[in-house]
């Protein structure tokens, strides 16, 4: 089967290079004209204005990033080294603590509990999002035109709904007295769920938040996966089917190898999106009950704004950014490793 797949891939991809140059371009050394006029010397460099053009085009975006992202980050960094409470804020005092905020946070059991909770919460959500998103994306590739259009429209509508609006809808769905979920469960014979308080315990609150976040994230993964599957040559699927491969074998030998960069990039984006999720968790129960559903963004907000320890909240937010930067570094390492393997032909 591997030989057939390689042959099909060779036929599907047009060959370019020195040995397969089109007529009139032997070895790729002549221009496009039929007279065979030599092309420009390879050693000629671009003029100075041409070299500066890309940087000039990037300049507005870089300035906007520096103003709206860089300066607040600098201010937040300075704030994290201060003891800024309501007293200092009213009296316009600057009380420098040095690394005192970081030492207090890193020595706190609450911080490490929230960090581990955030990691577990992120992992569970990302796994559900990727598995269900891939299944829906593969379903889109197999549906007919009409059903694909209907399902795509439903996914786009779910994706377009504002976060707070969607959170409000889920609050009503899981309301203990008038929620549709409790009413349906009661009708199905689960009478103990008639007035069940979904935000009264840690696990049930996380369940509601997870359903909400997964529902909001599925359209991005499913639609992107479907778009990526359209780039796979059909000859590879035909060769795999002729070799007797089943659905799972076709996915592992054809679909997944071609879409591996997509899976890597999408998983990384979902990790960041879920890790820094704030409005869904805060709007559902503000990190409750008893702060048992706090993640790092909620923890930073509660300590900084809720308890008026602004320096402490700034330090927690910067530690959250450090964790995300570590994830980014790991992702870039995987990306570079994959590019090196492709260059080496592995």
C-alpha atoms as a PDB file:
ATOM      1  CA  UNK A   1       0.000   0.000   0.000  1.00  0.00           C
ATOM      2  CA  UNK A   2       2.885   2.395   0.693  1.00  0.00           C
ATOM      3  CA  UNK A   3       4.172   1.963  -2.884  1.00  0.00           C
ATOM      4  CA  UNK A   4       0.726   2.744  -4.333  1.00  0.00           C
ATOM      5  CA  UNK A   5       0.367   5.825  -2.132  1.00  0.00           C
ATOM      6  CA  UNK A   6       3.808   7.071  -3.176  1.00  0.00           C
ATOM      7  CA  UNK A   7       2.988   6.553  -6.850  1.00  0.00           C
ATOM      8  CA  UNK A   8      -0.317   8.395  -6.470  1.00  0.00           C
ATOM      9  CA  UNK A   9       1.380  11.278  -4.681  1.00  0.00           C
ATOM     10  CA  UNK A  10       3.985  11.538  -7.437  1.00  0.00           C
ATOM     11  CA  UNK A  11       1.274  11.726 -10.086  1.00  0.00           C
ATOM     12  CA  UNK A  12      -0.783  14.278  -8.125  1.00  0.00           C
ATOM     13  CA  UNK A  13       2.054  16.733  -7.452  1.00  0.00           C
ATOM     14  CA  UNK A  14       3.657  18.439 -10.501  1.00  0.00           C
ATOM     15  CA  UNK A  15       7.416  18.067 -10.499  1.00  0.00           C
ATOM     16  CA  UNK A  16       9.623  21.112 -10.638  1.00  0.00           C
ATOM     17  CA  UNK A  17      13.330  21.470 -10.487  1.00  0.00           C
ATOM     18  CA  UNK A  18      16.461  21.250 -12.521  1.00  0.00           C
ATOM     19  CA  UNK A  19      15.782  17.926 -14.160  1.00  0.00           C
ATOM     20  CA  UNK A  20      12.143  18.632 -15.094  1.00  0.00           C
ATOM     21  CA  UNK A  21      12.341  22.180 -16.383  1.00  0.00           C
ATOM     22  CA  UNK A  22       9.815  23.062 -19.107  1.00  0.00           C
ATOM     23  CA  UNK A  23      10.870  23.393 -22.782  1.00  0.00           C
ATOM     24  CA  UNK A  24      12.897  26.480 -23.473  1.00  0.00           C
ATOM     25  CA  UNK A  25      14.339  26.409 -19.923  1.00  0.00           C
ATOM     26  CA  UNK A  26      16.997  23.720 -19.917  1.00  0.00           C
ATOM     27  CA  UNK A  27      18.315  23.378 -16.455  1.00  0.00           C
ATOM     28  CA  UNK A  28      16.267  26.403 -15.427  1.00  0.00           C
ATOM     29  CA  UNK A  29      19.013  28.760 -16.747  1.00  0.00           C
ATOM     30  CA  UNK A  30      17.123  30.636 -19.511  1.00  0.00           C
ATOM     31  CA  UNK A  31      14.255  33.105 -19.414  1.00  0.00           C
ATOM     32  CA  UNK A  32      10.691  32.617 -20.513  1.00  0.00           C
ATOM     33  CA  UNK A  33      11.137  33.997 -24.049  1.00  0.00           C
ATOM     34  CA  UNK A  34      11.637  31.714 -27.022  1.00  0.00           C
ATOM     35  CA  UNK A  35      14.821  33.539 -28.047  1.00  0.00           C
ATOM     36  CA  UNK A  36      16.637  32.049 -25.104  1.00  0.00           C
ATOM     37  CA  UNK A  37      17.751  35.378 -23.694  1.00  0.00           C
ATOM     38  CA  UNK A  38      19.719  34.769 -20.492  1.00  0.00           C
ATOM     39  CA  UNK A  39      18.045  35.818 -17.286  1.00  0.00           C
ATOM     40  CA  UNK A  40      19.439  38.398 -14.863  1.00  0.00           C
ATOM     41  CA  UNK A  41      22.632  37.431 -13.045  1.00  0.00           C
ATOM     42  CA  UNK A  42      22.016  35.485  -9.877  1.00  0.00           C
ATOM     43  CA  UNK A  43      24.332  37.661  -7.853  1.00  0.00           C
ATOM     44  CA  UNK A  44      22.415  40.892  -8.505  1.00  0.00           C
ATOM     45  CA  UNK A  45      20.964  42.243  -5.283  1.00  0.00           C
ATOM     46  CA  UNK A  46      17.821  44.302  -4.814  1.00  0.00           C
ATOM     47  CA  UNK A  47      18.104  48.060  -4.551  1.00  0.00           C
ATOM     48  CA  UNK A  48      18.087  49.782  -1.178  1.00  0.00           C
ATOM     49  CA  UNK A  49      14.458  51.056  -1.468  1.00  0.00           C
ATOM     50  CA  UNK A  50      13.290  47.576  -2.388  1.00  0.00           C
ATOM     51  CA  UNK A  51      15.005  46.124   0.668  1.00  0.00           C
ATOM     52  CA  UNK A  52      13.386  48.722   2.916  1.00  0.00           C
ATOM     53  CA  UNK A  53       9.861  48.241   1.545  1.00  0.00           C
ATOM     54  CA  UNK A  54       8.911  45.180   3.684  1.00  0.00           C
ATOM     55  CA  UNK A  55      10.020  46.966   6.843  1.00  0.00           C
ATOM     56  CA  UNK A  56       8.084  50.093   5.924  1.00  0.00           C
ATOM     57  CA  UNK A  57       4.958  47.986   5.380  1.00  0.00           C
ATOM     58  CA  UNK A  58       5.415  46.324   8.775  1.00  0.00           C
ATOM     59  CA  UNK A  59       6.059  49.619  10.563  1.00  0.00           C
ATOM     60  CA  UNK A  60       2.379  50.570  11.230  1.00  0.00           C
ATOM     61  CA  UNK A  61       1.616  47.144  12.703  1.00  0.00           C
ATOM     62  CA  UNK A  62       4.768  47.253  14.836  1.00  0.00           C
ATOM     63  CA  UNK A  63       3.918  50.727  16.139  1.00  0.00           C
ATOM     64  CA  UNK A  64       0.363  49.680  16.976  1.00  0.00           C
ATOM     65  CA  UNK A  65       1.683  46.588  18.775  1.00  0.00           C
ATOM     66  CA  UNK A  66       4.173  48.663  20.754  1.00  0.00           C
ATOM     67  CA  UNK A  67       1.519  51.202  21.793  1.00  0.00           C
ATOM     68  CA  UNK A  68      -1.398  48.901  22.591  1.00  0.00           C
ATOM     69  CA  UNK A  69       0.483  45.822  23.801  1.00  0.00           C
ATOM     70  CA  UNK A  70       4.079  46.708  24.609  1.00  0.00           C
ATOM     71  CA  UNK A  71       3.427  49.744  26.820  1.00  0.00           C
ATOM     72  CA  UNK A  72       0.690  48.060  28.920  1.00  0.00           C
ATOM     73  CA  UNK A  73       3.027  45.102  29.393  1.00  0.00           C
ATOM     74  CA  UNK A  74       5.765  47.413  30.656  1.00  0.00           C
ATOM     75  CA  UNK A  75       3.335  49.120  33.028  1.00  0.00           C
ATOM     76  CA  UNK A  76       2.097  45.756  34.265  1.00  0.00           C
ATOM     77  CA  UNK A  77       5.673  44.630  34.843  1.00  0.00           C
ATOM     78  CA  UNK A  78       6.438  47.734  36.918  1.00  0.00           C
ATOM     79  CA  UNK A  79       3.191  47.270  38.825  1.00  0.00           C
ATOM     80  CA  UNK A  80       4.121  43.694  39.727  1.00  0.00           C
ATOM     81  CA  UNK A  81       7.080  44.979  41.753  1.00  0.00           C
ATOM     82  CA  UNK A  82       4.922  47.340  43.814  1.00  0.00           C
ATOM     83  CA  UNK A  83       2.699  47.043  46.846  1.00  0.00           C
ATOM     84  CA  UNK A  84      -0.326  48.794  45.372  1.00  0.00           C
ATOM     85  CA  UNK A  85      -3.526  48.607  47.402  1.00  0.00           C
ATOM     86  CA  UNK A  86      -6.386  51.073  47.844  1.00  0.00           C
ATOM     87  CA  UNK A  87      -4.328  53.207  50.273  1.00  0.00           C
ATOM     88  CA  UNK A  88      -1.439  53.664  47.837  1.00  0.00           C
ATOM     89  CA  UNK A  89      -3.854  54.232  44.974  1.00  0.00           C
ATOM     90  CA  UNK A  90      -5.765  57.025  46.733  1.00  0.00           C
ATOM     91  CA  UNK A  91      -2.666  58.743  48.138  1.00  0.00           C
ATOM     92  CA  UNK A  92      -0.684  58.286  44.888  1.00  0.00           C
ATOM     93  CA  UNK A  93       2.081  56.458  46.724  1.00  0.00           C
ATOM     94  CA  UNK A  94       4.636  54.152  45.148  1.00  0.00           C
ATOM     95  CA  UNK A  95       5.683  51.372  47.510  1.00  0.00           C
ATOM     96  CA  UNK A  96       8.277  49.152  45.837  1.00  0.00           C
ATOM     97  CA  UNK A  97       8.401  45.545  47.047  1.00  0.00           C
ATOM     98  CA  UNK A  98      10.986  44.213  44.646  1.00  0.00           C
ATOM     99  CA  UNK A  99      10.331  40.523  44.095  1.00  0.00           C
ATOM    100  CA  UNK A 100       8.131  40.273  47.187  1.00  0.00           C
ATOM    101  CA  UNK A 101       4.933  39.711  45.214  1.00  0.00           C
ATOM    102  CA  UNK A 102       6.500  36.875  43.213  1.00  0.00           C
ATOM    103  CA  UNK A 103       7.954  35.251  46.317  1.00  0.00           C
ATOM    104  CA  UNK A 104       4.588  35.359  48.053  1.00  0.00           C
ATOM    105  CA  UNK A 105       2.769  33.925  45.046  1.00  0.00           C
ATOM    106  CA  UNK A 106       5.256  31.158  44.304  1.00  0.00           C
ATOM    107  CA  UNK A 107       5.259  30.205  47.978  1.00  0.00           C
ATOM    108  CA  UNK A 108       1.464  30.010  48.118  1.00  0.00           C
ATOM    109  CA  UNK A 109      -0.297  26.648  47.902  1.00  0.00           C
ATOM    110  CA  UNK A 110      -3.307  28.374  46.349  1.00  0.00           C
ATOM    111  CA  UNK A 111      -1.275  29.438  43.315  1.00  0.00           C
ATOM    112  CA  UNK A 112      -0.027  25.917  42.622  1.00  0.00           C
ATOM    113  CA  UNK A 113      -3.508  24.440  43.120  1.00  0.00           C
ATOM    114  CA  UNK A 114      -4.941  26.945  40.641  1.00  0.00           C
ATOM    115  CA  UNK A 115      -2.098  26.268  38.187  1.00  0.00           C
ATOM    116  CA  UNK A 116      -2.581  22.495  38.267  1.00  0.00           C
ATOM    117  CA  UNK A 117      -6.351  22.976  37.992  1.00  0.00           C
ATOM    118  CA  UNK A 118      -5.845  25.216  34.955  1.00  0.00           C
ATOM    119  CA  UNK A 119      -3.589  22.670  33.253  1.00  0.00           C
ATOM    120  CA  UNK A 120      -6.045  19.807  33.817  1.00  0.00           C
ATOM    121  CA  UNK A 121      -8.998  21.949  32.725  1.00  0.00           C
ATOM    122  CA  UNK A 122      -7.150  22.981  29.560  1.00  0.00           C
ATOM    123  CA  UNK A 123      -6.102  19.421  28.720  1.00  0.00           C
ATOM    124  CA  UNK A 124      -9.626  18.012  29.077  1.00  0.00           C
ATOM    125  CA  UNK A 125     -11.173  20.757  26.968  1.00  0.00           C
ATOM    126  CA  UNK A 126      -8.561  20.607  24.212  1.00  0.00           C
ATOM    127  CA  UNK A 127      -8.842  16.822  23.889  1.00  0.00           C
ATOM    128  CA  UNK A 128     -12.647  17.036  23.596  1.00  0.00           C
ATOM    129  CA  UNK A 129     -12.446  19.939  21.155  1.00  0.00           C
ATOM    130  CA  UNK A 130      -9.930  18.238  18.868  1.00  0.00           C
ATOM    131  CA  UNK A 131     -11.605  14.811  18.880  1.00  0.00           C
ATOM    132  CA  UNK A 132     -15.127  16.125  18.273  1.00  0.00           C
ATOM    133  CA  UNK A 133     -13.918  18.802  15.861  1.00  0.00           C
ATOM    134  CA  UNK A 134     -12.032  16.251  13.759  1.00  0.00           C
ATOM    135  CA  UNK A 135     -15.048  13.942  13.654  1.00  0.00           C
ATOM    136  CA  UNK A 136     -17.358  16.764  12.543  1.00  0.00           C
ATOM    137  CA  UNK A 137     -14.804  17.931   9.978  1.00  0.00           C
ATOM    138  CA  UNK A 138     -14.534  14.445   8.491  1.00  0.00           C
ATOM    139  CA  UNK A 139     -18.346  14.241   8.493  1.00  0.00           C
ATOM    140  CA  UNK A 140     -18.505  17.479   6.504  1.00  0.00           C
ATOM    141  CA  UNK A 141     -16.173  15.959   3.920  1.00  0.00           C
ATOM    142  CA  UNK A 142     -18.510  12.981   3.453  1.00  0.00           C
ATOM    143  CA  UNK A 143     -21.874  14.762   3.423  1.00  0.00           C
ATOM    144  CA  UNK A 144     -23.717  15.852   0.324  1.00  0.00           C
ATOM    145  CA  UNK A 145     -23.804  19.454  -0.775  1.00  0.00           C
ATOM    146  CA  UNK A 146     -27.122  20.354   0.865  1.00  0.00           C
ATOM    147  CA  UNK A 147     -26.435  18.738   4.245  1.00  0.00           C
ATOM    148  CA  UNK A 148     -22.888  20.121   4.257  1.00  0.00           C
ATOM    149  CA  UNK A 149     -24.287  23.601   3.687  1.00  0.00           C
ATOM    150  CA  UNK A 150     -26.805  23.210   6.530  1.00  0.00           C
ATOM    151  CA  UNK A 151     -24.220  21.889   8.993  1.00  0.00           C
ATOM    152  CA  UNK A 152     -21.679  24.542   7.980  1.00  0.00           C
ATOM    153  CA  UNK A 153     -24.261  27.285   8.492  1.00  0.00           C
ATOM    154  CA  UNK A 154     -25.057  25.935  11.972  1.00  0.00           C
ATOM    155  CA  UNK A 155     -21.363  25.864  12.848  1.00  0.00           C
ATOM    156  CA  UNK A 156     -20.830  29.403  11.591  1.00  0.00           C
ATOM    157  CA  UNK A 157     -23.784  30.668  13.634  1.00  0.00           C
ATOM    158  CA  UNK A 158     -22.388  29.024  16.778  1.00  0.00           C
ATOM    159  CA  UNK A 159     -18.959  30.516  16.050  1.00  0.00           C
ATOM    160  CA  UNK A 160     -20.394  33.995  15.412  1.00  0.00           C
ATOM    161  CA  UNK A 161     -22.373  34.165  18.674  1.00  0.00           C
ATOM    162  CA  UNK A 162     -20.717  36.564  21.156  1.00  0.00           C
ATOM    163  CA  UNK A 163     -19.111  34.914  24.161  1.00  0.00           C
ATOM    164  CA  UNK A 164     -21.224  36.680  26.791  1.00  0.00           C
ATOM    165  CA  UNK A 165     -24.444  36.034  24.848  1.00  0.00           C
ATOM    166  CA  UNK A 166     -23.611  32.332  24.573  1.00  0.00           C
ATOM    167  CA  UNK A 167     -22.724  32.202  28.268  1.00  0.00           C
ATOM    168  CA  UNK A 168     -26.055  33.810  29.168  1.00  0.00           C
ATOM    169  CA  UNK A 169     -27.905  31.208  27.095  1.00  0.00           C
ATOM    170  CA  UNK A 170     -26.097  28.399  28.902  1.00  0.00           C
ATOM    171  CA  UNK A 171     -26.904  29.965  32.258  1.00  0.00           C
ATOM    172  CA  UNK A 172     -30.591  29.756  31.364  1.00  0.00           C
ATOM    173  CA  UNK A 173     -30.249  26.234  29.985  1.00  0.00           C
ATOM    174  CA  UNK A 174     -28.704  24.984  33.246  1.00  0.00           C
ATOM    175  CA  UNK A 175     -30.769  27.134  35.603  1.00  0.00           C
ATOM    176  CA  UNK A 176     -31.838  25.162  38.679  1.00  0.00           C
ATOM    177  CA  UNK A 177     -35.495  26.291  38.614  1.00  0.00           C
ATOM    178  CA  UNK A 178     -36.347  27.150  35.021  1.00  0.00           C
ATOM    179  CA  UNK A 179     -33.576  25.480  33.037  1.00  0.00           C
ATOM    180  CA  UNK A 180     -34.385  23.356  29.998  1.00  0.00           C
ATOM    181  CA  UNK A 181     -31.773  20.746  30.933  1.00  0.00           C
ATOM    182  CA  UNK A 182     -33.358  20.007  34.317  1.00  0.00           C
ATOM    183  CA  UNK A 183     -36.825  19.929  32.744  1.00  0.00           C
ATOM    184  CA  UNK A 184     -35.729  17.396  30.112  1.00  0.00           C
ATOM    185  CA  UNK A 185     -33.977  15.206  32.696  1.00  0.00           C
ATOM    186  CA  UNK A 186     -37.072  15.310  34.888  1.00  0.00           C
ATOM    187  CA  UNK A 187     -39.245  14.260  31.936  1.00  0.00           C
ATOM    188  CA  UNK A 188     -36.893  11.390  31.209  1.00  0.00           C
ATOM    189  CA  UNK A 189     -37.422   9.994  34.707  1.00  0.00           C
ATOM    190  CA  UNK A 190     -34.502  11.612  36.538  1.00  0.00           C
ATOM    191  CA  UNK A 191     -36.768  13.385  39.032  1.00  0.00           C
ATOM    192  CA  UNK A 192     -33.862  14.124  41.367  1.00  0.00           C
ATOM    193  CA  UNK A 193     -32.520  16.495  38.716  1.00  0.00           C
ATOM    194  CA  UNK A 194     -35.675  18.622  38.633  1.00  0.00           C
ATOM    195  CA  UNK A 195     -34.102  21.397  40.707  1.00  0.00           C
ATOM    196  CA  UNK A 196     -30.460  20.423  40.523  1.00  0.00           C
ATOM    197  CA  UNK A 197     -28.017  23.295  41.086  1.00  0.00           C
ATOM    198  CA  UNK A 198     -25.409  22.908  38.342  1.00  0.00           C
ATOM    199  CA  UNK A 199     -23.149  25.611  39.798  1.00  0.00           C
ATOM    200  CA  UNK A 200     -23.345  24.313  43.349  1.00  0.00           C
ATOM    201  CA  UNK A 201     -20.317  22.008  43.180  1.00  0.00           C
ATOM    202  CA  UNK A 202     -16.916  22.047  41.542  1.00  0.00           C
ATOM    203  CA  UNK A 203     -17.407  19.173  39.097  1.00  0.00           C
ATOM    204  CA  UNK A 204     -20.871  20.211  37.899  1.00  0.00           C
ATOM    205  CA  UNK A 205     -19.731  23.817  37.402  1.00  0.00           C
ATOM    206  CA  UNK A 206     -16.727  22.658  35.399  1.00  0.00           C
ATOM    207  CA  UNK A 207     -19.066  20.419  33.402  1.00  0.00           C
ATOM    208  CA  UNK A 208     -21.220  23.392  32.357  1.00  0.00           C
ATOM    209  CA  UNK A 209     -18.156  25.489  31.525  1.00  0.00           C
ATOM    210  CA  UNK A 210     -16.604  22.647  29.531  1.00  0.00           C
ATOM    211  CA  UNK A 211     -19.765  22.106  27.491  1.00  0.00           C
ATOM    212  CA  UNK A 212     -19.879  25.825  26.754  1.00  0.00           C
ATOM    213  CA  UNK A 213     -16.225  26.140  25.725  1.00  0.00           C
ATOM    214  CA  UNK A 214     -16.278  22.964  23.617  1.00  0.00           C
ATOM    215  CA  UNK A 215     -19.470  24.112  21.882  1.00  0.00           C
ATOM    216  CA  UNK A 216     -17.872  27.469  21.069  1.00  0.00           C
ATOM    217  CA  UNK A 217     -14.607  25.935  19.811  1.00  0.00           C
ATOM    218  CA  UNK A 218     -15.901  23.112  17.620  1.00  0.00           C
ATOM    219  CA  UNK A 219     -16.748  25.276  14.564  1.00  0.00           C
ATOM    220  CA  UNK A 220     -13.173  26.556  14.251  1.00  0.00           C
ATOM    221  CA  UNK A 221     -11.658  23.064  14.282  1.00  0.00           C
ATOM    222  CA  UNK A 222     -14.342  21.393  12.152  1.00  0.00           C
ATOM    223  CA  UNK A 223     -14.469  23.985   9.381  1.00  0.00           C
ATOM    224  CA  UNK A 224     -10.699  24.291   9.173  1.00  0.00           C
ATOM    225  CA  UNK A 225     -10.287  20.527   9.060  1.00  0.00           C
ATOM    226  CA  UNK A 226     -12.842  20.231   6.281  1.00  0.00           C
ATOM    227  CA  UNK A 227     -11.058  22.944   4.297  1.00  0.00           C
ATOM    228  CA  UNK A 228      -7.746  21.151   4.821  1.00  0.00           C
ATOM    229  CA  UNK A 229      -9.130  17.797   3.617  1.00  0.00           C
ATOM    230  CA  UNK A 230     -10.029  19.360   0.262  1.00  0.00           C
ATOM    231  CA  UNK A 231      -6.300  19.806  -0.438  1.00  0.00           C
ATOM    232  CA  UNK A 232      -5.535  16.070  -0.190  1.00  0.00           C
ATOM    233  CA  UNK A 233      -5.254  14.424  -3.637  1.00  0.00           C
ATOM    234  CA  UNK A 234      -8.136  12.020  -4.238  1.00  0.00           C
ATOM    235  CA  UNK A 235      -5.719   9.580  -5.874  1.00  0.00           C
ATOM    236  CA  UNK A 236      -4.286   8.772  -2.455  1.00  0.00           C
ATOM    237  CA  UNK A 237      -7.712   7.773  -1.125  1.00  0.00           C
ATOM    238  CA  UNK A 238      -8.354   5.666  -4.211  1.00  0.00           C
ATOM    239  CA  UNK A 239      -5.007   3.893  -3.841  1.00  0.00           C
ATOM    240  CA  UNK A 240      -5.684   3.198  -0.171  1.00  0.00           C
ATOM    241  CA  UNK A 241      -9.166   1.831  -0.917  1.00  0.00           C
ATOM    242  CA  UNK A 242      -7.808  -0.396  -3.683  1.00  0.00           C
ATOM    243  CA  UNK A 243      -5.336  -1.799  -1.190  1.00  0.00           C
ATOM    244  CA  UNK A 244      -8.236  -2.747   1.094  1.00  0.00           C
ATOM    245  CA  UNK A 245      -7.711  -0.084   3.760  1.00  0.00           C
ATOM    246  CA  UNK A 246     -10.619   0.611   6.065  1.00  0.00           C
ATOM    247  CA  UNK A 247     -11.776   3.962   7.399  1.00  0.00           C
ATOM    248  CA  UNK A 248      -9.320   4.057  10.289  1.00  0.00           C
ATOM    249  CA  UNK A 249      -6.407   2.919   8.108  1.00  0.00           C
ATOM    250  CA  UNK A 250      -7.228   5.577   5.511  1.00  0.00           C
ATOM    251  CA  UNK A 251      -7.245   8.230   8.217  1.00  0.00           C
ATOM    252  CA  UNK A 252      -3.922   7.155   9.755  1.00  0.00           C
ATOM    253  CA  UNK A 253      -2.100   6.553   6.445  1.00  0.00           C
ATOM    254  CA  UNK A 254      -3.511   9.333   4.248  1.00  0.00           C
ATOM    255  CA  UNK A 255      -5.470  12.007   6.102  1.00  0.00           C
ATOM    256  CA  UNK A 256      -3.381  12.400   9.253  1.00  0.00           C
ATOM    257  CA  UNK A 257       0.069  12.548   7.573  1.00  0.00           C
ATOM    258  CA  UNK A 258      -1.136  15.265   5.190  1.00  0.00           C
ATOM    259  CA  UNK A 259      -2.898  17.226   7.944  1.00  0.00           C
ATOM    260  CA  UNK A 260      -0.251  16.836  10.648  1.00  0.00           C
ATOM    261  CA  UNK A 261       0.783  20.534  10.450  1.00  0.00           C
ATOM    262  CA  UNK A 262      -2.891  21.479  10.754  1.00  0.00           C
ATOM    263  CA  UNK A 263      -3.371  19.307  13.839  1.00  0.00           C
ATOM    264  CA  UNK A 264      -0.242  20.743  15.434  1.00  0.00           C
ATOM    265  CA  UNK A 265      -1.156  24.387  14.806  1.00  0.00           C
ATOM    266  CA  UNK A 266      -4.834  23.998  15.716  1.00  0.00           C
ATOM    267  CA  UNK A 267      -4.086  22.130  18.936  1.00  0.00           C
ATOM    268  CA  UNK A 268      -1.654  24.852  19.956  1.00  0.00           C
ATOM    269  CA  UNK A 269      -4.191  27.608  19.240  1.00  0.00           C
ATOM    270  CA  UNK A 270      -6.873  25.786  21.220  1.00  0.00           C
ATOM    271  CA  UNK A 271      -4.510  25.322  24.175  1.00  0.00           C
ATOM    272  CA  UNK A 272      -3.916  29.065  24.310  1.00  0.00           C
ATOM    273  CA  UNK A 273      -7.599  29.893  23.832  1.00  0.00           C
ATOM    274  CA  UNK A 274      -8.796  27.547  26.587  1.00  0.00           C
ATOM    275  CA  UNK A 275      -5.925  28.353  28.947  1.00  0.00           C
ATOM    276  CA  UNK A 276      -6.744  32.060  28.968  1.00  0.00           C
ATOM    277  CA  UNK A 277     -10.536  31.624  28.937  1.00  0.00           C
ATOM    278  CA  UNK A 278     -12.001  34.245  31.257  1.00  0.00           C
ATOM    279  CA  UNK A 279     -15.554  35.438  30.413  1.00  0.00           C
ATOM    280  CA  UNK A 280     -17.123  31.968  30.346  1.00  0.00           C
ATOM    281  CA  UNK A 281     -15.772  30.962  33.759  1.00  0.00           C
ATOM    282  CA  UNK A 282     -16.352  34.322  35.398  1.00  0.00           C
ATOM    283  CA  UNK A 283     -19.887  34.773  34.045  1.00  0.00           C
ATOM    284  CA  UNK A 284     -21.018  31.254  35.008  1.00  0.00           C
ATOM    285  CA  UNK A 285     -20.065  31.434  38.694  1.00  0.00           C
ATOM    286  CA  UNK A 286     -17.134  33.855  39.120  1.00  0.00           C
ATOM    287  CA  UNK A 287     -14.778  31.016  39.949  1.00  0.00           C
ATOM    288  CA  UNK A 288     -17.084  29.565  42.583  1.00  0.00           C
ATOM    289  CA  UNK A 289     -18.275  27.797  44.560  1.00  0.00           C
ATOM    290  CA  UNK A 290     -15.681  28.695  47.203  1.00  0.00           C
ATOM    291  CA  UNK A 291     -13.134  29.592  44.475  1.00  0.00           C
ATOM    292  CA  UNK A 292     -12.937  25.932  43.444  1.00  0.00           C
ATOM    293  CA  UNK A 293     -13.269  26.655  39.709  1.00  0.00           C
ATOM    294  CA  UNK A 294     -10.727  29.458  39.550  1.00  0.00           C
ATOM    295  CA  UNK A 295      -8.198  29.234  36.744  1.00  0.00           C
ATOM    296  CA  UNK A 296      -5.143  31.469  36.453  1.00  0.00           C
ATOM    297  CA  UNK A 297      -6.919  34.354  34.650  1.00  0.00           C
ATOM    298  CA  UNK A 298      -9.751  34.303  37.223  1.00  0.00           C
ATOM    299  CA  UNK A 299      -7.228  34.043  40.049  1.00  0.00           C
ATOM    300  CA  UNK A 300      -5.321  37.098  38.779  1.00  0.00           C
ATOM    301  CA  UNK A 301      -8.543  39.103  38.470  1.00  0.00           C
ATOM    302  CA  UNK A 302      -9.800  38.068  41.908  1.00  0.00           C
ATOM    303  CA  UNK A 303      -6.550  38.934  43.651  1.00  0.00           C
ATOM    304  CA  UNK A 304      -5.961  42.139  41.708  1.00  0.00           C
ATOM    305  CA  UNK A 305      -9.398  43.710  41.289  1.00  0.00           C
ATOM    306  CA  UNK A 306     -11.551  41.722  43.708  1.00  0.00           C
ATOM    307  CA  UNK A 307      -9.210  41.906  46.713  1.00  0.00           C
ATOM    308  CA  UNK A 308      -7.638  45.237  45.643  1.00  0.00           C
ATOM    309  CA  UNK A 309      -4.123  43.765  45.589  1.00  0.00           C
ATOM    310  CA  UNK A 310      -3.195  45.243  42.239  1.00  0.00           C
ATOM    311  CA  UNK A 311       0.501  44.464  42.452  1.00  0.00           C
ATOM    312  CA  UNK A 312      -0.277  40.856  43.312  1.00  0.00           C
ATOM    313  CA  UNK A 313      -2.722  40.563  40.428  1.00  0.00           C
ATOM    314  CA  UNK A 314      -0.134  41.999  38.030  1.00  0.00           C
ATOM    315  CA  UNK A 315       2.442  39.456  39.187  1.00  0.00           C
ATOM    316  CA  UNK A 316       0.000  36.565  38.717  1.00  0.00           C
ATOM    317  CA  UNK A 317      -0.879  37.755  35.210  1.00  0.00           C
ATOM    318  CA  UNK A 318       2.798  37.913  34.262  1.00  0.00           C
ATOM    319  CA  UNK A 319       3.370  34.404  35.606  1.00  0.00           C
ATOM    320  CA  UNK A 320       0.443  33.292  33.443  1.00  0.00           C
ATOM    321  CA  UNK A 321       2.144  34.854  30.434  1.00  0.00           C
ATOM    322  CA  UNK A 322       5.356  32.994  31.328  1.00  0.00           C
ATOM    323  CA  UNK A 323       3.465  29.696  31.277  1.00  0.00           C
ATOM    324  CA  UNK A 324       1.992  30.553  27.858  1.00  0.00           C
ATOM    325  CA  UNK A 325       5.439  31.518  26.565  1.00  0.00           C
ATOM    326  CA  UNK A 326       6.765  28.142  27.701  1.00  0.00           C
ATOM    327  CA  UNK A 327       3.963  26.455  25.739  1.00  0.00           C
ATOM    328  CA  UNK A 328       4.798  28.612  22.722  1.00  0.00           C
ATOM    329  CA  UNK A 329       8.470  27.658  22.925  1.00  0.00           C
ATOM    330  CA  UNK A 330       7.541  23.977  23.022  1.00  0.00           C
ATOM    331  CA  UNK A 331       5.259  24.410  20.007  1.00  0.00           C
ATOM    332  CA  UNK A 332       7.973  26.213  18.024  1.00  0.00           C
ATOM    333  CA  UNK A 333      10.414  23.455  18.899  1.00  0.00           C
ATOM    334  CA  UNK A 334       8.015  20.850  17.517  1.00  0.00           C
ATOM    335  CA  UNK A 335       7.462  22.942  14.396  1.00  0.00           C
ATOM    336  CA  UNK A 336      11.179  23.346  13.700  1.00  0.00           C
ATOM    337  CA  UNK A 337      11.729  19.652  14.307  1.00  0.00           C
ATOM    338  CA  UNK A 338       8.994  18.760  11.816  1.00  0.00           C
ATOM    339  CA  UNK A 339      10.447  21.126   9.207  1.00  0.00           C
ATOM    340  CA  UNK A 340      13.868  19.558   9.623  1.00  0.00           C
ATOM    341  CA  UNK A 341      12.400  16.084   9.174  1.00  0.00           C
ATOM    342  CA  UNK A 342      10.645  17.187   5.992  1.00  0.00           C
ATOM    343  CA  UNK A 343      13.853  18.725   4.639  1.00  0.00           C
ATOM    344  CA  UNK A 344      15.751  15.520   5.388  1.00  0.00           C
ATOM    345  CA  UNK A 345      13.046  13.473   3.675  1.00  0.00           C
ATOM    346  CA  UNK A 346      12.072  11.524   6.792  1.00  0.00           C
END
